[in-house]
Protein backbone atom coordinates (compact mmCIF):
# COMPACT_ATOMS: atom_id res chain seq x y z
CA MET A 1 -32.38 0.00 -47.82
CA ARG A 2 -28.40 0.79 -48.06
CA ARG A 3 -27.96 -1.37 -45.09
CA THR A 4 -29.81 -4.19 -46.31
CA THR A 5 -28.33 -4.16 -49.63
CA ARG A 6 -24.72 -4.31 -47.90
CA CYS A 7 -25.75 -7.27 -45.76
CA LEU A 8 -26.83 -8.83 -48.83
CA LEU A 9 -23.61 -8.30 -50.73
CA LEU A 10 -21.47 -9.41 -47.64
CA GLY A 11 -23.55 -12.56 -47.65
CA ILE A 12 -22.66 -13.52 -51.18
CA PRO A 13 -19.14 -14.37 -50.37
CA MET A 14 -20.17 -16.54 -47.49
CA LEU A 15 -22.65 -18.27 -49.45
CA ILE A 16 -19.99 -19.08 -52.11
CA VAL A 17 -17.57 -20.31 -49.54
CA GLY A 18 -20.13 -22.49 -47.98
CA ALA A 19 -20.93 -23.88 -51.51
CA ILE A 20 -17.23 -24.78 -52.31
CA PHE A 21 -16.90 -26.58 -48.79
CA ALA A 22 -20.11 -28.45 -49.42
CA LEU A 23 -18.70 -29.63 -52.89
CA ARG A 24 -15.48 -30.77 -51.42
CA PRO A 25 -15.14 -34.45 -50.70
CA SER A 26 -15.14 -35.38 -46.98
CA ALA A 27 -12.12 -37.06 -45.13
CA ASP A 28 -13.93 -40.26 -45.38
CA ALA A 29 -14.36 -39.96 -49.24
CA ASP A 30 -10.65 -39.07 -49.52
CA GLU A 31 -9.83 -42.25 -47.57
CA LYS A 32 -11.84 -44.44 -49.66
CA ASP A 33 -10.63 -43.03 -52.78
CA ARG A 34 -7.07 -43.90 -51.57
CA SER A 35 -7.99 -47.91 -50.77
CA SER A 36 -6.58 -50.51 -52.86
CA TYR A 37 -8.60 -53.95 -52.88
CA HIS A 38 -7.13 -57.21 -53.67
CA VAL A 39 -8.37 -60.96 -54.07
CA ILE A 40 -6.30 -63.93 -53.17
CA LEU A 41 -7.67 -67.10 -54.44
CA PHE A 42 -6.19 -70.13 -52.58
CA ALA A 43 -6.46 -73.86 -53.60
CA SER A 44 -5.33 -76.92 -51.41
CA GLU A 45 -4.87 -80.47 -52.64
CA ARG A 46 -2.69 -83.29 -52.03
CA GLU A 47 -1.00 -86.24 -53.96
CA GLY A 48 -3.81 -87.75 -55.91
CA ASN A 49 -6.24 -84.77 -55.41
CA ALA A 50 -9.12 -86.60 -53.58
CA PRO A 51 -11.94 -84.45 -53.11
CA ARG A 52 -12.08 -85.03 -49.17
CA PHE A 53 -8.65 -83.41 -48.88
CA SER A 54 -8.97 -80.49 -51.28
CA HIS A 55 -10.42 -76.90 -50.71
CA THR A 56 -11.00 -73.69 -52.46
CA TRP A 57 -11.18 -70.35 -50.59
CA ALA A 58 -10.51 -66.60 -50.84
CA THR A 59 -9.29 -63.75 -48.87
CA PHE A 60 -10.13 -60.02 -49.80
CA VAL A 61 -7.95 -57.48 -48.80
CA LYS A 62 -8.55 -53.64 -48.37
CA SER A 63 -5.29 -51.59 -47.87
CA THR A 64 -3.89 -48.14 -47.94
CA GLN A 65 -0.43 -46.84 -48.67
CA ASN A 66 1.37 -45.56 -45.82
CA GLU A 67 3.87 -42.48 -46.33
CA SER A 68 6.73 -44.80 -47.23
CA GLY A 69 4.42 -46.28 -50.19
CA LYS A 70 3.99 -49.73 -48.43
CA PRO A 71 0.38 -50.92 -47.95
CA THR A 72 -1.17 -50.98 -44.46
CA LEU A 73 -3.85 -53.40 -43.76
CA ASN A 74 -7.57 -51.75 -43.16
CA GLU A 75 -9.50 -54.96 -43.12
CA ALA A 76 -9.34 -58.73 -44.62
CA ILE A 77 -12.36 -61.05 -45.41
CA THR A 78 -11.99 -64.67 -45.78
CA ILE A 79 -14.22 -66.91 -47.47
CA SER A 80 -13.62 -70.38 -46.38
CA TRP A 81 -16.48 -72.70 -46.15
CA LEU A 82 -16.06 -76.32 -44.61
CA PRO A 83 -17.79 -78.59 -42.50
CA ALA A 84 -17.89 -77.30 -39.13
CA ASN A 85 -15.99 -80.04 -37.48
CA GLY A 86 -13.42 -79.70 -40.68
CA VAL A 87 -14.16 -83.36 -41.93
CA ILE A 88 -15.44 -83.29 -45.40
CA PRO A 89 -18.11 -86.17 -45.96
CA PRO A 90 -18.70 -87.32 -49.52
CA LEU A 91 -22.46 -87.31 -49.63
CA ALA A 92 -23.94 -85.92 -46.33
CA THR A 93 -25.34 -82.55 -45.70
CA VAL A 94 -23.65 -81.22 -42.58
CA PRO A 95 -23.28 -77.77 -40.61
CA GLY A 96 -20.93 -75.50 -42.06
CA ARG A 97 -18.64 -72.87 -40.87
CA ASN A 98 -16.70 -69.94 -42.42
CA PHE A 99 -13.19 -70.72 -41.47
CA SER A 100 -10.51 -67.73 -41.07
CA LEU A 101 -7.46 -67.82 -43.07
CA SER A 102 -5.29 -68.94 -40.26
CA GLU A 103 -7.72 -71.80 -39.56
CA THR A 104 -7.61 -72.90 -43.29
CA MET A 105 -3.94 -72.90 -43.31
CA ASP A 106 -3.85 -75.13 -40.19
CA TRP A 107 -6.53 -77.39 -41.85
CA THR A 108 -4.49 -77.93 -44.86
CA ARG A 109 -1.63 -78.92 -42.90
CA GLN A 110 -3.63 -81.31 -41.04
CA MET A 111 -4.58 -82.68 -44.47
CA ASN A 112 -1.03 -82.75 -45.41
CA ALA A 113 -1.89 -80.66 -48.61
CA ARG A 114 -0.14 -78.06 -50.67
CA VAL A 115 -1.38 -74.79 -51.21
CA ALA A 116 -1.43 -72.40 -54.33
CA ALA A 117 -2.68 -69.17 -55.05
CA TRP A 118 -3.93 -66.87 -57.79
CA GLY A 119 -3.07 -63.01 -56.74
CA PRO A 120 -2.90 -60.96 -54.85
CA ILE A 121 -4.96 -59.67 -57.83
CA PRO A 122 -6.48 -55.85 -57.92
CA VAL A 123 -9.99 -55.95 -58.01
CA ARG A 124 -13.01 -53.33 -58.02
CA LYS A 125 -14.51 -52.42 -54.62
CA GLU A 126 -17.72 -53.95 -55.76
CA LEU A 127 -16.22 -57.50 -55.42
CA TYR A 128 -14.97 -56.65 -52.17
CA ASP A 129 -18.33 -55.29 -50.99
CA LEU A 130 -20.05 -58.32 -52.46
CA ALA A 131 -17.35 -60.57 -50.31
CA ARG A 132 -18.69 -58.79 -47.11
CA GLN A 133 -22.21 -59.62 -47.91
CA ARG A 134 -21.28 -63.34 -48.54
CA LYS A 135 -19.46 -63.55 -45.45
CA GLU A 136 -22.45 -62.23 -43.52
CA VAL A 137 -24.64 -64.98 -45.35
CA LEU A 138 -22.31 -67.76 -44.56
CA GLU A 139 -22.19 -66.84 -40.84
CA SER A 140 -26.01 -66.39 -40.39
CA GLY A 141 -26.18 -69.98 -39.93
CA ARG A 142 -28.70 -70.37 -43.22
CA LEU A 143 -26.41 -72.49 -45.29
CA ALA A 144 -25.15 -76.07 -44.72
CA TYR A 145 -21.92 -77.57 -46.20
CA LYS A 146 -22.50 -80.14 -48.88
CA MET A 147 -19.95 -81.35 -51.09
CA ILE A 148 -22.13 -82.32 -54.09
CA ASP A 149 -24.48 -79.50 -53.77
CA GLY A 150 -26.75 -79.52 -56.84
CA ARG A 151 -30.07 -80.25 -54.88
CA VAL A 152 -29.35 -77.71 -52.02
CA ARG A 153 -27.64 -75.06 -53.83
CA PRO A 154 -27.84 -72.02 -53.66
CA ASP A 155 -30.44 -71.28 -51.01
CA ARG A 156 -29.87 -74.37 -48.59
CA GLY A 157 -26.24 -75.44 -48.92
CA THR A 158 -22.98 -75.11 -50.83
CA ASN A 159 -19.46 -76.79 -51.31
CA CYS A 160 -16.43 -74.67 -50.91
CA ILE A 161 -16.09 -73.46 -54.37
CA HIS A 162 -19.75 -72.24 -54.72
CA ALA A 163 -19.56 -70.61 -51.43
CA VAL A 164 -16.79 -68.43 -53.17
CA SER A 165 -18.12 -68.14 -56.72
CA ASP A 166 -21.84 -67.55 -55.83
CA MET A 167 -21.06 -64.09 -54.11
CA VAL A 168 -21.41 -62.50 -57.54
CA PRO A 169 -24.75 -61.79 -59.13
CA GLY A 170 -25.74 -63.41 -62.38
CA SER A 171 -25.52 -67.11 -63.49
CA LEU A 172 -24.21 -69.43 -61.16
CA LEU A 173 -20.79 -71.13 -61.95
CA GLU A 174 -20.96 -74.51 -62.99
CA THR A 175 -17.94 -76.49 -61.83
CA GLY A 176 -18.79 -80.36 -62.59
CA THR A 177 -16.41 -82.40 -60.87
CA ALA A 178 -13.61 -79.85 -60.65
CA HIS A 179 -11.94 -79.49 -57.19
CA GLY A 180 -8.79 -78.09 -55.81
CA GLU A 181 -6.61 -76.12 -58.17
CA GLY A 182 -9.20 -76.90 -60.81
CA GLY A 183 -12.08 -75.61 -58.87
CA THR A 184 -10.19 -72.27 -57.92
CA GLN A 185 -9.33 -71.59 -61.47
CA LEU A 186 -12.77 -71.82 -62.51
CA VAL A 187 -13.49 -69.22 -59.59
CA ALA A 188 -10.79 -66.96 -60.94
CA GLU A 189 -12.32 -67.12 -64.38
CA HIS A 190 -15.66 -66.24 -62.86
CA PHE A 191 -14.40 -63.14 -61.15
CA ARG A 192 -12.74 -61.66 -64.31
CA GLY A 193 -15.24 -58.87 -64.92
CA TYR A 194 -14.44 -57.65 -61.17
CA LEU A 195 -10.51 -57.92 -62.00
CA ILE A 196 -8.60 -54.64 -62.47
CA ARG A 197 -5.60 -56.55 -63.80
CA ALA A 198 -5.17 -60.33 -63.93
CA GLU A 199 -1.34 -60.63 -63.36
CA ALA A 200 -0.25 -59.68 -59.86
CA SER A 201 2.92 -60.24 -58.05
CA ASP A 202 3.01 -58.26 -54.70
CA PRO A 203 4.40 -59.89 -51.80
CA ASP A 204 3.77 -57.00 -49.35
CA ILE A 205 -0.38 -57.54 -49.89
CA LEU A 206 0.15 -61.29 -49.17
CA ALA A 207 2.21 -60.43 -46.24
CA LEU A 208 -0.53 -58.25 -44.80
CA VAL A 209 -2.56 -61.32 -44.15
CA GLY A 210 0.27 -63.16 -42.74
CA ILE A 211 1.28 -65.27 -45.73
CA ASP A 212 4.83 -65.78 -46.75
CA TRP A 213 5.12 -65.20 -50.51
CA ASN A 214 7.76 -68.29 -50.74
CA SER A 215 5.74 -70.45 -48.33
CA ILE A 216 3.02 -71.35 -51.32
CA GLU A 217 3.01 -71.98 -54.86
CA HIS A 218 1.86 -69.45 -57.44
CA ARG A 219 -0.75 -69.50 -60.44
CA SER A 220 -1.58 -67.12 -62.89
CA LEU A 221 -4.40 -66.16 -65.21
CA ALA A 222 -2.07 -65.04 -67.85
CA ALA A 223 -4.20 -62.34 -69.36
CA THR A 224 -4.88 -58.49 -69.20
CA VAL A 225 -8.12 -57.43 -67.94
CA ARG A 226 -9.86 -54.37 -69.04
CA ARG A 227 -10.99 -52.12 -66.40
């Protein structure tokens, strides 16, 4: 009986230690806790702002700080929905393709369009996860590109603005005839519930995705967002 009691008593500290380690977050959880999430909302248009030369797109950035306090890129997701051939038709429904950020910047140069951006804006992880899901949908081939998408949205086709805005649940964003900067401004407003802070001026985050701060124009929501 004494031996049994001693074994039980010795086992109690081990159980306590095991419970403590079970309650500690894993290394993966720590890494997630240290991650930061940003969105950069882009618009392009050229003089006259004709719809066929304008575009709305977004890049979502996941980063962590290194030992020197500088951000390090973990992943970037771009939602940039254009006709597969890069030529925007005014009425036709055509195959679409999700362009990368570098491809989109090349497209804006071909269109002789200037680029403006809102952000990098700190966002909740939830919006980043929704962007990943949206990218998968766009790259699945289920949706076509349609500039005036009222009859095909959201299940059969979409334009560039709604390709970004429709990633969040709830009411669909109505943009009317807005495009270029006007369209992107509406998307920025539509995302307000997911923004940690509306104001942002972080060239380091922009540099992570290969964009020089001084190479584009900058826009602001000019308001504070409650977390």
